[in-house]
Amino acid sequence: MKTRNIFSALVLSLSLFATTLTFAQKEKTVNVGGAPMYPSKNIVENTVNSKDHTTLVAAVKAAGLVETLQSKGPFTVFAPTNAAFDKLPKGTVETLLKPENLKTLQTILTYHVVAGKLNASDLMNLIKKGNGKATLKTVSGGTLTAWMKGKEIYLTDENGNSSKVTIADVNQSNGVIHVVDSVVTPKA
């Protein structure tokens, strides 16, 4: 009887493992920063695995935004890479991560987020409808202007700085991430 229960438990465990493996194999992942991004995981669960987004993850944690980005959403996140943060003037990231600059950090990070899920095709349609430009309202209350150059999507912030979407449509359970090559900032 004991052997039978152990055997049944083993069969059930193997069955669950096979089901999980099959499900994972069927998910259409996108590799970002050397890690697969699973559509069944939320923005935070995926982003923490990207070696290209360690600065962004540290900033999101310092800003207290982890819980928000794990919530149902949906969100469209324009996620700057470490290299994007490196383009900022020396010492900027370190200064932003100080507790006394919490509000500024939160504003900059939420400026990279739009409520709702906008895939690249949605952005392109909005740009087309807007005769070449689409104004996106960010969670911080600011605006980003989306536009295209050839087949590439760009964002221009309120200060006139541009950022290119380098990896589009990284689907998440609570939205979508578009990797960008520069940090965008709201008008001061």
Protein backbone atom coordinates (compact mmCIF):
# COMPACT_ATOMS: atom_id res chain seq x y z
CA MET A 1 0.00 0.00 0.00
CA LYS A 2 2.81 2.41 0.93
CA THR A 3 4.69 1.63 -2.32
CA ARG A 4 1.51 2.23 -4.31
CA ASN A 5 1.05 5.69 -2.72
CA ILE A 6 4.67 6.61 -3.43
CA PHE A 7 4.29 5.40 -7.02
CA SER A 8 1.05 7.41 -7.44
CA ALA A 9 2.73 10.53 -6.05
CA LEU A 10 5.69 10.05 -8.39
CA VAL A 11 3.41 9.64 -11.43
CA LEU A 12 1.44 12.76 -10.44
CA SER A 13 4.67 14.77 -9.97
CA LEU A 14 6.03 13.68 -13.35
CA SER A 15 2.70 14.50 -14.99
CA LEU A 16 2.66 18.02 -13.48
CA PHE A 17 6.29 18.54 -14.52
CA ALA A 18 5.53 17.44 -18.09
CA THR A 19 2.48 19.72 -18.24
CA THR A 20 4.51 22.68 -16.95
CA LEU A 21 7.33 21.94 -19.39
CA THR A 22 4.91 21.65 -22.29
CA PHE A 23 3.21 24.93 -21.32
CA ALA A 24 6.56 26.71 -21.04
CA GLN A 25 7.64 25.36 -24.43
CA LYS A 26 4.42 26.67 -26.02
CA GLU A 27 4.86 30.19 -24.62
CA LYS A 28 6.26 32.62 -27.18
CA THR A 29 9.17 34.14 -25.31
CA VAL A 30 11.41 37.01 -26.30
CA ASN A 31 15.01 37.08 -25.07
CA VAL A 32 15.96 40.31 -23.33
CA GLY A 33 19.30 40.71 -21.63
CA GLY A 34 20.08 37.04 -22.12
CA ALA A 35 16.90 35.85 -20.39
CA PRO A 36 13.61 34.59 -21.82
CA MET A 37 10.64 36.81 -21.01
CA TYR A 38 7.54 34.70 -20.38
CA PRO A 39 4.11 36.12 -21.28
CA SER A 40 2.68 34.25 -18.28
CA LYS A 41 4.88 36.25 -15.86
CA ASN A 42 4.40 39.86 -14.81
CA ILE A 43 6.66 42.80 -15.64
CA VAL A 44 8.74 42.52 -12.47
CA GLU A 45 9.08 38.72 -12.57
CA ASN A 46 10.54 38.96 -16.08
CA THR A 47 12.61 42.13 -15.83
CA VAL A 48 14.60 40.97 -12.79
CA ASN A 49 16.13 38.26 -15.00
CA SER A 50 17.44 40.64 -17.70
CA LYS A 51 21.12 41.44 -17.30
CA ASP A 52 20.48 44.54 -19.45
CA HIS A 53 18.00 46.00 -16.95
CA THR A 54 19.76 45.79 -13.57
CA THR A 55 19.81 49.58 -13.20
CA LEU A 56 16.09 49.81 -14.00
CA VAL A 57 15.29 47.05 -11.51
CA ALA A 58 17.35 48.78 -8.79
CA ALA A 59 15.57 52.07 -9.52
CA VAL A 60 12.10 50.45 -9.45
CA LYS A 61 12.93 48.88 -6.08
CA ALA A 62 14.33 52.15 -4.68
CA ALA A 63 11.22 54.01 -5.88
CA GLY A 64 8.87 51.52 -4.20
CA LEU A 65 7.18 50.67 -7.51
CA VAL A 66 7.64 46.88 -7.46
CA GLU A 67 4.14 46.20 -6.12
CA THR A 68 2.57 48.52 -8.69
CA LEU A 69 4.34 46.82 -11.61
CA GLN A 70 3.31 43.42 -10.27
CA SER A 71 -0.36 44.43 -10.17
CA LYS A 72 -2.95 43.51 -12.77
CA GLY A 73 -2.32 46.52 -15.02
CA PRO A 74 -2.24 46.40 -17.94
CA PHE A 75 0.78 48.63 -18.50
CA THR A 76 2.96 49.56 -21.43
CA VAL A 77 6.50 50.00 -20.15
CA PHE A 78 9.26 51.65 -22.16
CA ALA A 79 12.19 49.98 -20.38
CA PRO A 80 15.58 51.71 -20.62
CA THR A 81 18.61 49.43 -20.66
CA ASN A 82 21.68 49.82 -18.46
CA ALA A 83 23.39 51.43 -21.48
CA ALA A 84 20.52 53.95 -21.67
CA PHE A 85 21.09 54.92 -18.02
CA ASP A 86 24.84 55.15 -18.74
CA LYS A 87 24.11 57.92 -21.26
CA LEU A 88 22.91 60.18 -18.44
CA PRO A 89 25.42 62.63 -16.96
CA LYS A 90 27.84 61.00 -14.51
CA GLY A 91 26.36 60.66 -11.02
CA THR A 92 22.73 61.10 -12.12
CA VAL A 93 21.61 57.55 -11.28
CA GLU A 94 23.38 57.56 -7.92
CA THR A 95 21.77 60.92 -7.07
CA LEU A 96 18.29 59.71 -8.10
CA LEU A 97 18.62 56.60 -5.91
CA LYS A 98 19.09 58.70 -2.74
CA PRO A 99 16.05 58.69 -0.43
CA GLU A 100 15.70 62.47 -0.60
CA ASN A 101 15.12 62.18 -4.37
CA LEU A 102 12.36 59.55 -4.13
CA LYS A 103 9.64 61.74 -5.72
CA THR A 104 11.86 62.67 -8.68
CA LEU A 105 12.83 59.03 -9.22
CA GLN A 106 9.19 57.94 -9.10
CA THR A 107 8.23 60.66 -11.59
CA ILE A 108 10.97 59.67 -14.05
CA LEU A 109 10.15 55.96 -13.81
CA THR A 110 6.38 56.42 -14.17
CA TYR A 111 7.10 58.70 -17.14
CA HIS A 112 8.20 55.48 -18.89
CA VAL A 113 4.80 53.84 -18.27
CA VAL A 114 1.51 54.23 -20.12
CA ALA A 115 -1.74 52.77 -18.76
CA GLY A 116 -3.11 50.01 -21.00
CA LYS A 117 -1.38 47.58 -23.31
CA LEU A 118 -0.03 49.10 -26.51
CA ASN A 119 1.79 46.66 -28.76
CA ALA A 120 4.00 47.96 -31.57
CA SER A 121 1.12 47.56 -34.05
CA ASP A 122 -1.11 49.68 -31.76
CA LEU A 123 1.57 52.37 -31.57
CA MET A 124 2.01 52.32 -35.37
CA ASN A 125 -1.76 52.67 -35.86
CA LEU A 126 -1.89 55.63 -33.44
CA ILE A 127 1.06 57.24 -35.24
CA LYS A 128 -0.65 56.74 -38.61
CA LYS A 129 -3.95 58.18 -37.27
CA GLY A 130 -2.03 61.18 -35.91
CA ASN A 131 -0.44 61.91 -39.30
CA GLY A 132 2.99 60.75 -38.18
CA LYS A 133 2.84 61.40 -34.44
CA ALA A 134 0.95 60.00 -31.47
CA THR A 135 0.76 61.66 -28.08
CA LEU A 136 0.90 59.17 -25.19
CA LYS A 137 -0.21 60.15 -21.68
CA THR A 138 2.17 58.64 -19.13
CA VAL A 139 1.32 57.41 -15.65
CA SER A 140 3.33 60.35 -14.24
CA GLY A 141 0.93 62.75 -15.98
CA GLY A 142 3.36 63.82 -18.69
CA THR A 143 3.32 63.11 -22.40
CA LEU A 144 5.54 61.24 -24.81
CA THR A 145 5.35 61.64 -28.57
CA ALA A 146 5.65 58.41 -30.56
CA TRP A 147 6.78 58.60 -34.19
CA MET A 148 8.45 56.45 -36.78
CA LYS A 149 11.59 56.61 -38.87
CA GLY A 150 11.34 53.89 -41.47
CA LYS A 151 10.03 50.87 -39.59
CA GLU A 152 11.52 51.95 -36.23
CA ILE A 153 9.43 53.44 -33.43
CA TYR A 154 10.83 56.40 -31.51
CA LEU A 155 9.69 58.37 -28.49
CA THR A 156 10.35 62.04 -27.89
CA ASP A 157 10.07 63.38 -24.36
CA GLU A 158 8.88 66.81 -23.22
CA ASN A 159 12.47 68.10 -23.39
CA GLY A 160 12.94 67.13 -27.05
CA ASN A 161 15.14 64.09 -26.35
CA SER A 162 14.49 60.94 -28.38
CA SER A 163 14.66 57.25 -27.58
CA LYS A 164 14.43 54.34 -30.02
CA VAL A 165 12.47 51.15 -29.34
CA THR A 166 15.11 48.44 -29.81
CA ILE A 167 13.00 45.41 -28.82
CA ALA A 168 9.24 45.68 -29.20
CA ASP A 169 6.36 43.53 -27.98
CA VAL A 170 7.83 41.74 -24.98
CA ASN A 171 4.45 40.53 -23.73
CA GLN A 172 3.81 40.14 -20.00
CA SER A 173 0.84 38.84 -18.03
CA ASN A 174 0.06 42.44 -17.03
CA GLY A 175 1.02 44.35 -20.16
CA VAL A 176 3.90 44.76 -22.56
CA ILE A 177 7.49 45.99 -22.43
CA HIS A 178 9.26 47.83 -25.22
CA VAL A 179 13.01 48.07 -24.62
CA VAL A 180 14.38 51.57 -25.33
CA ASP A 181 17.91 52.85 -25.84
CA SER A 182 17.64 56.13 -23.89
CA VAL A 183 16.03 57.41 -20.71
CA VAL A 184 13.20 59.88 -21.38
CA THR A 185 12.44 62.63 -18.90
CA PRO A 186 9.47 64.87 -18.21
CA LYS A 187 9.68 68.66 -18.30
CA ALA A 188 11.15 69.88 -15.03
